Amino acid sequence: MAKVAEPEEMSARRNLLGALMQGVRVKMGKSKQDCAQAMGVTVGIYTSFEEGRRDVTLPELELLAYYLKVPVRLFFERPERLLADDPTIPAEKVVALRQRIIGALFRQVRQERGRSVKDVAVRLGMTTRRISDYELGRKPLPLGHLQEAADLFGVPMSYFIDEGVGPIGEQELLRSQFDKFNDLPDDVRKFVVNPTNVAYLRVAQHLSDMTTEQLRNLAAAILDITY
């Protein structure tokens, strides 16, 4: 009996999925053996997945996504994100900019706490010139000194961490937001991720931006309409 020819579309999809699996694996720095073990298959079978010679099941793909820490839906909804290369970060420029920002934050919190450069220099065991160099970003502020300063000023280290500025900061902000979301009660998380509740969340967001007086006026207007 002659073998039935496979539709080209199905073959193309399998090849694309295999390329995506390979792309995200390489991007995450994992070996074929690592992924095969996570999926509960042999290295040979996993290789056939990547080469588009074998169909992968959804549970197997879910295990791979879980291991590689990516949402499984990305393999179907936004596959380009799995293959896109992260932009190269100009390390020297980023470090220089961050040193100036940290120095400015250092100076700001020092002034808010009412401490002079001389006082801080004495407390941290260094010269006033060194403190000035740190605040102006002329010299990198060692992490040990930064932690001592944070303790002295009574602020957490997160005060100095980059969240939302540049590619590193954006990634850190996303991780922080995910952690906060994950800490919410189950019923609240389910409410937030339900697309039909977006309108209610927009209303809550708008209300949170209103002043106390505006909220009073809104409440009064609602009472007038109700009664």
N, C-alpha and C. Protein backbone atom coordinates (compact mmCIF):
# COMPACT_ATOMS: atom_id res chain seq x y z
N MET A 1 0.85 -1.19 0.00
CA MET A 1 0.00 0.00 0.00
C MET A 1 0.88 1.23 0.00
N ALA A 2 0.60 2.17 -0.90
CA ALA A 2 1.42 3.38 -1.00
C ALA A 2 1.21 4.29 0.20
N LYS A 3 2.29 4.93 0.62
CA LYS A 3 2.23 5.85 1.76
C LYS A 3 1.56 7.14 1.34
N VAL A 4 0.59 7.59 2.15
CA VAL A 4 -0.13 8.82 1.84
C VAL A 4 0.81 10.01 2.06
N ALA A 5 0.87 10.89 1.09
CA ALA A 5 1.74 12.06 1.18
C ALA A 5 1.24 13.01 2.26
N GLU A 6 2.15 13.51 3.04
CA GLU A 6 1.80 14.43 4.12
C GLU A 6 1.54 15.83 3.56
N PRO A 7 0.49 16.50 4.00
CA PRO A 7 0.23 17.86 3.54
C PRO A 7 1.43 18.76 3.83
N GLU A 8 1.75 19.63 2.86
CA GLU A 8 2.91 20.51 3.02
C GLU A 8 2.74 21.44 4.23
N GLU A 9 1.50 21.88 4.47
CA GLU A 9 1.26 22.80 5.59
C GLU A 9 1.61 22.15 6.91
N MET A 10 1.24 20.89 7.10
CA MET A 10 1.54 20.20 8.35
C MET A 10 3.05 20.03 8.53
N SER A 11 3.72 19.68 7.45
CA SER A 11 5.18 19.52 7.50
C SER A 11 5.85 20.84 7.83
N ALA A 12 5.35 21.93 7.23
CA ALA A 12 5.93 23.26 7.47
C ALA A 12 5.75 23.68 8.92
N ARG A 13 4.58 23.37 9.47
CA ARG A 13 4.33 23.72 10.88
C ARG A 13 5.27 22.96 11.81
N ARG A 14 5.47 21.68 11.51
CA ARG A 14 6.35 20.88 12.35
C ARG A 14 7.79 21.39 12.27
N ASN A 15 8.21 21.78 11.06
CA ASN A 15 9.56 22.33 10.90
C ASN A 15 9.72 23.66 11.64
N LEU A 16 8.67 24.50 11.57
CA LEU A 16 8.71 25.79 12.26
C LEU A 16 8.78 25.59 13.77
N LEU A 17 7.94 24.68 14.28
CA LEU A 17 7.95 24.42 15.72
C LEU A 17 9.30 23.88 16.16
N GLY A 18 9.90 23.02 15.34
CA GLY A 18 11.23 22.48 15.66
C GLY A 18 12.26 23.59 15.72
N ALA A 19 12.17 24.54 14.78
CA ALA A 19 13.11 25.67 14.76
C ALA A 19 12.92 26.55 15.99
N LEU A 20 11.66 26.72 16.40
CA LEU A 20 11.38 27.52 17.60
C LEU A 20 11.94 26.84 18.85
N MET A 21 11.74 25.54 18.93
CA MET A 21 12.26 24.79 20.07
C MET A 21 13.78 24.92 20.15
N GLN A 22 14.43 24.82 19.00
CA GLN A 22 15.88 24.95 18.97
C GLN A 22 16.31 26.37 19.32
N GLY A 23 15.58 27.35 18.77
CA GLY A 23 15.93 28.75 19.02
C GLY A 23 15.85 29.13 20.48
N VAL A 24 14.76 28.75 21.15
CA VAL A 24 14.61 29.13 22.55
C VAL A 24 15.56 28.33 23.43
N ARG A 25 15.84 27.06 23.03
CA ARG A 25 16.79 26.25 23.81
C ARG A 25 18.18 26.89 23.79
N VAL A 26 18.62 27.27 22.60
CA VAL A 26 19.94 27.90 22.47
C VAL A 26 19.97 29.23 23.20
N LYS A 27 18.87 29.98 23.09
CA LYS A 27 18.78 31.29 23.74
C LYS A 27 18.89 31.18 25.25
N MET A 28 18.35 30.09 25.80
CA MET A 28 18.38 29.87 27.24
C MET A 28 19.63 29.12 27.69
N GLY A 29 20.51 28.79 26.74
CA GLY A 29 21.77 28.14 27.09
C GLY A 29 21.61 26.71 27.56
N LYS A 30 20.63 25.99 27.03
CA LYS A 30 20.39 24.60 27.44
C LYS A 30 20.82 23.63 26.34
N SER A 31 21.19 22.44 26.72
CA SER A 31 21.60 21.41 25.75
C SER A 31 20.39 20.57 25.36
N LYS A 32 20.55 19.79 24.29
CA LYS A 32 19.49 18.87 23.88
C LYS A 32 19.21 17.86 24.98
N GLN A 33 20.27 17.42 25.64
CA GLN A 33 20.12 16.44 26.71
C GLN A 33 19.30 17.02 27.86
N ASP A 34 19.55 18.30 28.19
CA ASP A 34 18.78 18.96 29.26
C ASP A 34 17.29 18.95 28.93
N CYS A 35 16.97 19.35 27.70
CA CYS A 35 15.57 19.47 27.29
C CYS A 35 14.91 18.10 27.16
N ALA A 36 15.66 17.13 26.64
CA ALA A 36 15.13 15.78 26.51
C ALA A 36 14.76 15.22 27.87
N GLN A 37 15.62 15.44 28.85
CA GLN A 37 15.37 14.95 30.20
C GLN A 37 14.15 15.63 30.80
N ALA A 38 14.02 16.95 30.56
CA ALA A 38 12.87 17.69 31.09
C ALA A 38 11.56 17.18 30.49
N MET A 39 11.61 16.75 29.22
CA MET A 39 10.40 16.28 28.54
C MET A 39 10.15 14.79 28.74
N GLY A 40 11.13 14.08 29.30
CA GLY A 40 10.97 12.65 29.52
C GLY A 40 11.13 11.82 28.26
N VAL A 41 11.99 12.28 27.34
CA VAL A 41 12.24 11.54 26.10
C VAL A 41 13.74 11.37 25.92
N THR A 42 14.13 10.56 24.94
CA THR A 42 15.55 10.39 24.66
C THR A 42 16.08 11.58 23.87
N VAL A 43 17.40 11.71 23.86
CA VAL A 43 18.02 12.79 23.10
C VAL A 43 17.70 12.63 21.61
N GLY A 44 17.65 11.37 21.14
CA GLY A 44 17.35 11.11 19.74
C GLY A 44 15.95 11.59 19.37
N ILE A 45 14.99 11.33 20.24
CA ILE A 45 13.62 11.78 19.99
C ILE A 45 13.54 13.30 20.01
N TYR A 46 14.22 13.89 21.01
CA TYR A 46 14.20 15.36 21.09
C TYR A 46 14.81 15.97 19.83
N THR A 47 15.91 15.39 19.36
CA THR A 47 16.56 15.89 18.15
C THR A 47 15.61 15.82 16.96
N SER A 48 14.82 14.75 16.89
CA SER A 48 13.86 14.63 15.79
C SER A 48 12.76 15.69 15.88
N PHE A 49 12.45 16.12 17.12
CA PHE A 49 11.49 17.23 17.28
C PHE A 49 12.05 18.50 16.64
N GLU A 50 13.30 18.84 17.02
CA GLU A 50 13.92 20.07 16.53
C GLU A 50 14.12 20.04 15.02
N GLU A 51 14.38 18.87 14.48
CA GLU A 51 14.64 18.75 13.04
C GLU A 51 13.35 18.60 12.24
N GLY A 52 12.21 18.61 12.94
CA GLY A 52 10.93 18.55 12.24
C GLY A 52 10.59 17.20 11.68
N ARG A 53 11.23 16.15 12.19
CA ARG A 53 10.98 14.80 11.69
C ARG A 53 9.96 14.04 12.54
N ARG A 54 9.56 14.63 13.65
CA ARG A 54 8.65 13.94 14.57
C ARG A 54 7.72 14.96 15.20
N ASP A 55 6.47 14.56 15.39
CA ASP A 55 5.48 15.46 16.02
C ASP A 55 5.65 15.43 17.53
N VAL A 56 5.61 16.61 18.13
CA VAL A 56 5.65 16.73 19.58
C VAL A 56 4.22 16.88 20.09
N THR A 57 3.92 16.33 21.24
CA THR A 57 2.58 16.47 21.81
C THR A 57 2.53 17.73 22.67
N LEU A 58 1.31 18.19 22.92
CA LEU A 58 1.14 19.40 23.73
C LEU A 58 1.69 19.22 25.15
N PRO A 59 1.42 18.09 25.83
CA PRO A 59 2.00 17.92 27.17
C PRO A 59 3.53 17.97 27.16
N GLU A 60 4.15 17.40 26.11
CA GLU A 60 5.61 17.44 26.01
C GLU A 60 6.09 18.87 25.81
N LEU A 61 5.37 19.63 24.99
CA LEU A 61 5.75 21.02 24.75
C LEU A 61 5.56 21.86 26.01
N GLU A 62 4.52 21.54 26.77
CA GLU A 62 4.28 22.25 28.03
C GLU A 62 5.41 22.00 29.02
N LEU A 63 5.90 20.76 29.06
CA LEU A 63 7.03 20.45 29.94
C LEU A 63 8.27 21.22 29.52
N LEU A 64 8.49 21.32 28.21
CA LEU A 64 9.65 22.06 27.70
C LEU A 64 9.52 23.54 28.05
N ALA A 65 8.34 24.10 27.83
CA ALA A 65 8.12 25.52 28.14
C ALA A 65 8.32 25.79 29.63
N TYR A 66 7.84 24.87 30.47
CA TYR A 66 8.01 25.02 31.91
C TYR A 66 9.48 25.01 32.28
N TYR A 67 10.23 24.10 31.67
CA TYR A 67 11.66 23.98 31.96
C TYR A 67 12.43 25.21 31.48
N LEU A 68 12.08 25.72 30.30
CA LEU A 68 12.79 26.87 29.74
C LEU A 68 12.25 28.20 30.25
N LYS A 69 11.19 28.13 31.08
CA LYS A 69 10.61 29.33 31.71
C LYS A 69 10.06 30.32 30.68
N VAL A 70 9.33 29.78 29.70
CA VAL A 70 8.63 30.63 28.74
C VAL A 70 7.18 30.14 28.67
N PRO A 71 6.22 31.04 28.43
CA PRO A 71 4.82 30.60 28.30
C PRO A 71 4.65 29.72 27.06
N VAL A 72 3.96 28.62 27.20
CA VAL A 72 3.80 27.70 26.08
C VAL A 72 3.05 28.34 24.92
N ARG A 73 2.19 29.32 25.24
CA ARG A 73 1.41 29.96 24.17
C ARG A 73 2.29 30.74 23.20
N LEU A 74 3.51 31.10 23.62
CA LEU A 74 4.39 31.84 22.72
C LEU A 74 4.77 31.02 21.49
N PHE A 75 4.73 29.70 21.62
CA PHE A 75 5.05 28.86 20.48
C PHE A 75 3.98 28.97 19.39
N PHE A 76 2.80 29.50 19.78
CA PHE A 76 1.70 29.59 18.82
C PHE A 76 1.30 31.04 18.52
N GLU A 77 1.27 31.89 19.58
CA GLU A 77 0.75 33.24 19.41
C GLU A 77 1.80 34.26 18.98
N ARG A 78 2.99 34.20 19.60
CA ARG A 78 4.03 35.18 19.32
C ARG A 78 5.37 34.47 19.09
N PRO A 79 5.45 33.58 18.10
CA PRO A 79 6.68 32.79 17.92
C PRO A 79 7.91 33.64 17.61
N GLU A 80 7.69 34.85 17.03
CA GLU A 80 8.85 35.68 16.68
C GLU A 80 9.63 36.10 17.91
N ARG A 81 8.98 36.14 19.07
CA ARG A 81 9.67 36.53 20.30
C ARG A 81 10.66 35.48 20.75
N LEU A 82 10.43 34.24 20.36
CA LEU A 82 11.32 33.16 20.77
C LEU A 82 12.59 33.13 19.92
N LEU A 83 12.51 33.64 18.70
CA LEU A 83 13.66 33.62 17.81
C LEU A 83 14.41 34.94 17.78
N ALA A 84 13.75 36.02 18.24
CA ALA A 84 14.39 37.34 18.18
C ALA A 84 15.59 37.40 19.12
N ASP A 85 16.67 37.95 18.62
CA ASP A 85 17.87 38.11 19.44
C ASP A 85 17.73 39.34 20.31
N ASP A 86 18.17 39.23 21.56
CA ASP A 86 18.16 40.40 22.44
C ASP A 86 19.16 41.41 21.93
N PRO A 87 18.80 42.72 21.98
CA PRO A 87 19.74 43.74 21.50
C PRO A 87 21.01 43.76 22.34
N THR A 88 22.12 44.02 21.68
CA THR A 88 23.39 44.12 22.39
C THR A 88 23.39 45.35 23.28
N ILE A 89 23.76 45.15 24.53
CA ILE A 89 23.78 46.27 25.47
C ILE A 89 25.18 46.87 25.52
N PRO A 90 25.32 48.17 25.22
CA PRO A 90 26.64 48.81 25.30
C PRO A 90 27.07 48.92 26.75
N ALA A 91 27.82 47.94 27.22
CA ALA A 91 28.13 47.82 28.64
C ALA A 91 28.77 49.08 29.22
N GLU A 92 29.78 49.64 28.56
CA GLU A 92 30.50 50.78 29.12
C GLU A 92 29.57 51.98 29.29
N LYS A 93 28.73 52.24 28.28
CA LYS A 93 27.82 53.38 28.37
C LYS A 93 26.77 53.16 29.45
N VAL A 94 26.25 51.93 29.53
CA VAL A 94 25.23 51.62 30.54
C VAL A 94 25.81 51.78 31.94
N VAL A 95 27.02 51.25 32.17
CA VAL A 95 27.66 51.35 33.48
C VAL A 95 27.93 52.81 33.85
N ALA A 96 28.43 53.59 32.89
CA ALA A 96 28.73 55.00 33.16
C ALA A 96 27.46 55.77 33.52
N LEU A 97 26.39 55.50 32.77
CA LEU A 97 25.12 56.17 33.05
C LEU A 97 24.58 55.77 34.41
N ARG A 98 24.63 54.48 34.71
CA ARG A 98 24.13 54.00 35.99
C ARG A 98 24.93 54.57 37.15
N GLN A 99 26.24 54.75 36.96
CA GLN A 99 27.06 55.33 38.03
C GLN A 99 26.61 56.76 38.33
N ARG A 100 26.27 57.51 37.29
CA ARG A 100 25.80 58.88 37.51
C ARG A 100 24.45 58.90 38.19
N ILE A 101 23.57 57.96 37.79
CA ILE A 101 22.24 57.90 38.39
C ILE A 101 22.34 57.50 39.86
N ILE A 102 23.16 56.49 40.15
CA ILE A 102 23.33 56.05 41.54
C ILE A 102 23.94 57.16 42.37
N GLY A 103 24.91 57.89 41.80
CA GLY A 103 25.51 59.02 42.51
C GLY A 103 24.48 60.09 42.83
N ALA A 104 23.61 60.37 41.86
CA ALA A 104 22.57 61.38 42.08
C ALA A 104 21.59 60.93 43.16
N LEU A 105 21.23 59.65 43.14
CA LEU A 105 20.34 59.12 44.18
C LEU A 105 21.01 59.17 45.55
N PHE A 106 22.31 58.88 45.57
CA PHE A 106 23.10 58.93 46.80
C PHE A 106 23.04 60.35 47.38
N ARG A 107 23.30 61.34 46.51
CA ARG A 107 23.29 62.74 46.96
C ARG A 107 21.89 63.16 47.43
N GLN A 108 20.87 62.72 46.69
CA GLN A 108 19.50 63.08 47.04
C GLN A 108 19.11 62.57 48.41
N VAL A 109 19.36 61.28 48.67
CA VAL A 109 18.96 60.73 49.96
C VAL A 109 19.83 61.29 51.07
N ARG A 110 21.09 61.60 50.78
CA ARG A 110 21.96 62.21 51.80
C ARG A 110 21.38 63.56 52.22
N GLN A 111 20.98 64.36 51.25
CA GLN A 111 20.43 65.68 51.56
C GLN A 111 19.08 65.56 52.26
N GLU A 112 18.26 64.59 51.84
CA GLU A 112 16.97 64.39 52.49
C GLU A 112 17.13 64.00 53.95
N ARG A 113 18.21 63.27 54.25
CA ARG A 113 18.46 62.85 55.63
C ARG A 113 19.20 63.93 56.42
N GLY A 114 19.50 65.05 55.78
CA GLY A 114 20.15 66.17 56.46
C GLY A 114 21.59 65.90 56.85
N ARG A 115 22.30 65.10 56.07
CA ARG A 115 23.69 64.77 56.38
C ARG A 115 24.63 65.49 55.42
N SER A 116 25.72 65.98 55.95
CA SER A 116 26.73 66.66 55.13
C SER A 116 27.67 65.63 54.51
N VAL A 117 28.41 66.10 53.50
CA VAL A 117 29.39 65.23 52.86
C VAL A 117 30.43 64.79 53.88
N LYS A 118 30.85 65.72 54.73
CA LYS A 118 31.86 65.41 55.74
C LYS A 118 31.37 64.36 56.73
N ASP A 119 30.12 64.51 57.16
CA ASP A 119 29.54 63.55 58.11
C ASP A 119 29.49 62.15 57.52
N VAL A 120 29.03 62.04 56.28
CA VAL A 120 28.93 60.74 55.62
C VAL A 120 30.32 60.15 55.40
N ALA A 121 31.28 60.99 55.03
CA ALA A 121 32.65 60.52 54.80
C ALA A 121 33.23 59.91 56.07
N VAL A 122 32.99 60.57 57.20
CA VAL A 122 33.49 60.07 58.48
C VAL A 122 32.82 58.74 58.82
N ARG A 123 31.50 58.68 58.63
CA ARG A 123 30.77 57.46 58.98
C ARG A 123 31.17 56.28 58.10
N LEU A 124 31.51 56.55 56.84
CA LEU A 124 31.88 55.47 55.93
C LEU A 124 33.37 55.24 55.85
N GLY A 125 34.14 56.06 56.58
CA GLY A 125 35.59 55.87 56.64
C GLY A 125 36.31 56.21 55.35
N MET A 126 35.95 57.33 54.73
CA MET A 126 36.62 57.74 53.49
C MET A 126 36.68 59.26 53.43
N THR A 127 37.35 59.79 52.43
CA THR A 127 37.52 61.24 52.32
C THR A 127 36.28 61.89 51.72
N THR A 128 36.15 63.20 51.96
CA THR A 128 35.04 63.94 51.36
C THR A 128 35.18 63.97 49.84
N ARG A 129 36.44 63.98 49.36
CA ARG A 129 36.67 63.97 47.92
C ARG A 129 36.09 62.70 47.30
N ARG A 130 36.24 61.58 47.98
CA ARG A 130 35.73 60.32 47.46
C ARG A 130 34.20 60.35 47.40
N ILE A 131 33.57 60.90 48.45
CA ILE A 131 32.11 61.00 48.45
C ILE A 131 31.64 61.86 47.29
N SER A 132 32.31 62.97 47.07
CA SER A 132 31.95 63.86 45.95
C SER A 132 32.11 63.15 44.61
N ASP A 133 33.18 62.37 44.47
CA ASP A 133 33.40 61.62 43.24
C ASP A 133 32.28 60.61 43.01
N TYR A 134 31.83 59.98 44.09
CA TYR A 134 30.73 59.03 43.97
C TYR A 134 29.45 59.75 43.53
N GLU A 135 29.14 60.87 44.18
CA GLU A 135 27.89 61.58 43.91
C GLU A 135 27.84 62.15 42.50
N LEU A 136 28.99 62.51 41.95
CA LEU A 136 29.05 63.07 40.60
C LEU A 136 29.29 62.00 39.54
N GLY A 137 29.39 60.75 39.96
CA GLY A 137 29.58 59.66 39.01
C GLY A 137 30.97 59.60 38.42
N ARG A 138 31.93 60.28 39.05
CA ARG A 138 33.29 60.28 38.52
C ARG A 138 34.01 58.98 38.85
N LYS A 139 33.58 58.33 39.93
CA LYS A 139 34.16 57.05 40.31
C LYS A 139 33.03 56.06 40.60
N PRO A 140 33.23 54.79 40.25
CA PRO A 140 32.20 53.78 40.54
C PRO A 140 32.08 53.54 42.04
N LEU A 141 30.84 53.44 42.50
CA LEU A 141 30.58 53.25 43.93
C LEU A 141 30.55 51.75 44.21
N PRO A 142 31.57 51.22 44.91
CA PRO A 142 31.61 49.77 45.19
C PRO A 142 30.34 49.32 45.93
N LEU A 143 29.93 48.10 45.65
CA LEU A 143 28.69 47.59 46.24
C LEU A 143 28.74 47.60 47.77
N GLY A 144 29.91 47.25 48.33
CA GLY A 144 30.03 47.24 49.80
C GLY A 144 29.78 48.63 50.39
N HIS A 145 30.37 49.66 49.78
CA HIS A 145 30.14 51.03 50.25
C HIS A 145 28.69 51.45 50.05
N LEU A 146 28.10 51.01 48.93
CA LEU A 146 26.71 51.37 48.66
C LEU A 146 25.78 50.75 49.70
N GLN A 147 26.07 49.51 50.11
CA GLN A 147 25.26 48.86 51.14
C GLN A 147 25.41 49.55 52.48
N GLU A 148 26.64 49.98 52.79
CA GLU A 148 26.87 50.72 54.03
C GLU A 148 26.10 52.04 54.01
N ALA A 149 26.13 52.71 52.85
CA ALA A 149 25.41 53.98 52.73
C ALA A 149 23.91 53.77 52.87
N ALA A 150 23.39 52.70 52.26
CA ALA A 150 21.96 52.41 52.35
C ALA A 150 21.56 52.19 53.81
N ASP A 151 22.39 51.47 54.57
CA ASP A 151 22.11 51.27 55.99
C ASP A 151 22.17 52.59 56.75
N LEU A 152 23.16 53.42 56.40
CA LEU A 152 23.32 54.71 57.07
C LEU A 152 22.12 55.61 56.83
N PHE A 153 21.62 55.61 55.59
CA PHE A 153 20.50 56.48 55.24
C PHE A 153 19.15 55.87 55.57
N GLY A 154 19.16 54.59 55.92
CA GLY A 154 17.90 53.92 56.25
C GLY A 154 17.03 53.64 55.05
N VAL A 155 17.64 53.28 53.90
CA VAL A 155 16.86 52.95 52.71
C VAL A 155 17.26 51.54 52.25
N PRO A 156 16.35 50.82 51.61
CA PRO A 156 16.70 49.48 51.11
C PRO A 156 17.58 49.60 49.87
N MET A 157 18.29 48.53 49.53
CA MET A 157 19.12 48.55 48.34
C MET A 157 18.29 48.74 47.08
N SER A 158 17.01 48.37 47.15
CA SER A 158 16.13 48.54 45.98
C SER A 158 15.99 50.00 45.59
N TYR A 159 16.30 50.90 46.53
CA TYR A 159 16.26 52.34 46.24
C TYR A 159 17.22 52.69 45.10
N PHE A 160 18.33 51.97 45.00
CA PHE A 160 19.35 52.26 44.00
C PHE A 160 19.26 51.37 42.76
N ILE A 161 18.44 50.32 42.83
CA ILE A 161 18.37 49.37 41.71
C ILE A 161 17.61 49.97 40.54
N ASP A 162 18.12 49.71 39.34
CA ASP A 162 17.51 50.20 38.11
C ASP A 162 16.25 49.40 37.82
N GLU A 163 15.10 50.07 37.82
CA GLU A 163 13.84 49.42 37.46
C GLU A 163 13.12 50.29 36.44
N GLY A 164 13.14 49.86 35.19
CA GLY A 164 12.39 50.55 34.15
C GLY A 164 13.20 51.43 33.24
N VAL A 165 14.51 51.60 33.48
CA VAL A 165 15.34 52.45 32.63
C VAL A 165 16.28 51.57 31.82
N GLY A 166 16.11 51.54 30.50
CA GLY A 166 16.99 50.73 29.66
C GLY A 166 16.57 49.27 29.67
N PRO A 167 17.21 48.45 28.83
CA PRO A 167 16.82 47.03 28.70
C PRO A 167 16.98 46.23 29.98
N ILE A 168 18.03 46.51 30.75
CA ILE A 168 18.23 45.78 32.00
C ILE A 168 17.16 46.18 33.01
N GLY A 169 16.91 47.48 33.10
CA GLY A 169 15.90 47.98 34.04
C GLY A 169 14.50 47.50 33.68
N GLU A 170 14.19 47.47 32.39
CA GLU A 170 12.88 47.00 31.96
C GLU A 170 12.67 45.54 32.35
N GLN A 171 13.70 44.74 32.16
CA GLN A 171 13.61 43.32 32.52
C GLN A 171 13.45 43.16 34.03
N GLU A 172 14.18 43.96 34.79
CA GLU A 172 14.07 43.89 36.25
C GLU A 172 12.69 44.32 36.71
N LEU A 173 12.15 45.35 36.05
CA LEU A 173 10.81 45.83 36.39
C LEU A 173 9.76 44.77 36.10
N LEU A 174 9.88 44.10 34.95
CA LEU A 174 8.93 43.05 34.60
C LEU A 174 8.97 41.91 35.62
N ARG A 175 10.19 41.53 36.02
CA ARG A 175 10.31 40.46 37.02
C ARG A 175 9.66 40.89 38.34
N SER A 176 9.90 42.14 38.72
CA SER A 176 9.34 42.65 39.97
C SER A 176 7.82 42.67 39.91
N GLN A 177 7.28 43.12 38.77
CA GLN A 177 5.83 43.17 38.62
C GLN A 177 5.23 41.77 38.64
N PHE A 178 5.91 40.81 38.01
CA PHE A 178 5.41 39.44 38.01
C PHE A 178 5.40 38.88 39.43
N ASP A 179 6.47 39.14 40.19
CA ASP A 179 6.54 38.64 41.56
C ASP A 179 5.39 39.22 42.40
N LYS A 180 5.10 40.51 42.22
CA LYS A 180 4.01 41.14 42.97
C LYS A 180 2.67 40.55 42.56
N PHE A 181 2.51 40.32 41.24
CA PHE A 181 1.27 39.72 40.76
C PHE A 181 1.11 38.31 41.33
N ASN A 182 2.20 37.58 41.38
CA ASN A 182 2.16 36.19 41.87
C ASN A 182 1.83 36.13 43.35
N ASP A 183 2.09 37.21 44.08
CA ASP A 183 1.80 37.25 45.52
C ASP A 183 0.33 37.57 45.81
N LEU A 184 -0.41 37.98 44.79
CA LEU A 184 -1.83 38.31 45.00
C LEU A 184 -2.63 37.05 45.29
N PRO A 185 -3.75 37.17 46.00
CA PRO A 185 -4.61 36.00 46.24
C PRO A 185 -5.09 35.42 44.90
N ASP A 186 -5.39 34.13 44.90
CA ASP A 186 -5.79 33.44 43.67
C ASP A 186 -6.99 34.10 43.01
N ASP A 187 -8.00 34.48 43.81
CA ASP A 187 -9.22 35.04 43.23
C ASP A 187 -8.94 36.40 42.57
N VAL A 188 -8.00 37.17 43.15
CA VAL A 188 -7.66 38.47 42.58
C VAL A 188 -6.91 38.28 41.27
N ARG A 189 -5.97 37.31 41.22
CA ARG A 189 -5.24 37.05 39.98
C ARG A 189 -6.18 36.62 38.86
N LYS A 190 -7.14 35.77 39.20
CA LYS A 190 -8.10 35.30 38.19
C LYS A 190 -8.94 36.47 37.67
N PHE A 191 -9.29 37.40 38.56
CA PHE A 191 -10.07 38.56 38.15
C PHE A 191 -9.26 39.46 37.22
N VAL A 192 -7.98 39.67 37.57
CA VAL A 192 -7.13 40.58 36.79
C VAL A 192 -6.89 40.06 35.38
N VAL A 193 -6.66 38.75 35.24
CA VAL A 193 -6.31 38.20 33.92
C VAL A 193 -7.53 37.93 33.04
N ASN A 194 -8.73 38.11 33.58
CA ASN A 194 -9.95 37.92 32.78
C ASN A 194 -10.17 39.15 31.91
N PRO A 195 -10.08 39.03 30.57
CA PRO A 195 -10.22 40.19 29.68
C PRO A 195 -11.51 40.96 29.88
N THR A 196 -12.59 40.28 30.30
CA THR A 196 -13.88 40.97 30.47
C THR A 196 -13.87 41.93 31.65
N ASN A 197 -12.85 41.83 32.50
CA ASN A 197 -12.78 42.70 33.68
C ASN A 197 -11.90 43.93 33.46
N VAL A 198 -11.39 44.12 32.24
CA VAL A 198 -10.51 45.25 31.98
C VAL A 198 -11.21 46.57 32.28
N ALA A 199 -12.49 46.67 31.92
CA ALA A 199 -13.22 47.92 32.15
C ALA A 199 -13.27 48.26 33.65
N TYR A 200 -13.49 47.24 34.49
CA TYR A 200 -13.53 47.48 35.94
C TYR A 200 -12.16 47.92 36.46
N LEU A 201 -11.10 47.32 35.92
CA LEU A 201 -9.75 47.68 36.34
C LEU A 201 -9.42 49.10 35.92
N ARG A 202 -9.90 49.51 34.73
CA ARG A 202 -9.69 50.89 34.27
C ARG A 202 -10.39 51.88 35.20
N VAL A 203 -11.59 51.53 35.63
CA VAL A 203 -12.33 52.39 36.56
C VAL A 203 -11.59 52.51 37.88
N ALA A 204 -11.10 51.37 38.39
CA ALA A 204 -10.35 51.38 39.65
C ALA A 204 -9.09 52.21 39.51
N GLN A 205 -8.42 52.11 38.36
CA GLN A 205 -7.21 52.89 38.12
C GLN A 205 -7.54 54.37 38.10
N HIS A 206 -8.63 54.72 37.45
CA HIS A 206 -9.04 56.13 37.38
C HIS A 206 -9.40 56.67 38.77
N LEU A 207 -10.10 55.86 39.56
CA LEU A 207 -10.48 56.28 40.91
C LEU A 207 -9.26 56.50 41.80
N SER A 208 -8.24 55.65 41.62
CA SER A 208 -7.03 55.77 42.45
C SER A 208 -6.27 57.06 42.16
N ASP A 209 -6.48 57.62 40.96
CA ASP A 209 -5.79 58.86 40.58
C ASP A 209 -6.53 60.11 41.02
N MET A 210 -7.74 59.94 41.52
CA MET A 210 -8.56 61.09 41.91
C MET A 210 -8.22 61.55 43.32
N THR A 211 -8.40 62.86 43.55
CA THR A 211 -8.17 63.42 44.88
C THR A 211 -9.35 63.08 45.78
N THR A 212 -9.15 63.30 47.08
CA THR A 212 -10.23 63.03 48.04
C THR A 212 -11.46 63.87 47.73
N GLU A 213 -11.24 65.12 47.37
CA GLU A 213 -12.35 66.02 47.05
C GLU A 213 -13.11 65.54 45.82
N GLN A 214 -12.39 65.08 44.81
CA GLN A 214 -13.04 64.56 43.60
C GLN A 214 -13.85 63.32 43.90
N LEU A 215 -13.33 62.47 44.79
CA LEU A 215 -14.07 61.26 45.17
C LEU A 215 -15.35 61.62 45.93
N ARG A 216 -15.27 62.64 46.79
CA ARG A 216 -16.47 63.09 47.53
C ARG A 216 -17.53 63.59 46.55
N ASN A 217 -17.10 64.38 45.58
CA ASN A 217 -18.04 64.93 44.61
C ASN A 217 -18.67 63.82 43.77
N LEU A 218 -17.86 62.81 43.42
CA LEU A 218 -18.38 61.68 42.64
C LEU A 218 -19.41 60.91 43.45
N ALA A 219 -19.10 60.68 44.75
CA ALA A 219 -20.03 59.95 45.62
C ALA A 219 -21.34 60.71 45.75
N ALA A 220 -21.24 62.04 45.90
CA ALA A 220 -22.43 62.87 46.03
C ALA A 220 -23.29 62.81 44.76
N ALA A 221 -22.61 62.82 43.61
CA ALA A 221 -23.32 62.76 42.33
C ALA A 221 -24.04 61.43 42.17
N ILE A 222 -23.39 60.35 42.61
CA ILE A 222 -24.02 59.02 42.53
C ILE A 222 -25.24 58.95 43.43
N LEU A 223 -25.13 59.55 44.63
CA LEU A 223 -26.28 59.56 45.56
C LEU A 223 -27.43 60.34 44.97
N ASP A 224 -27.14 61.46 44.29
CA ASP A 224 -28.19 62.27 43.68
C ASP A 224 -28.91 61.49 42.60
N ILE A 225 -28.12 60.69 41.83
CA ILE A 225 -28.73 59.89 40.75
C ILE A 225 -29.58 58.75 41.33
N THR A 226 -29.05 58.15 42.41
CA THR A 226 -29.71 56.99 43.01
C THR A 226 -31.03 57.36 43.69
N TYR A 227 -30.97 58.49 44.40
CA TYR A 227 -32.17 58.89 45.15
C TYR A 227 -32.86 60.04 44.43
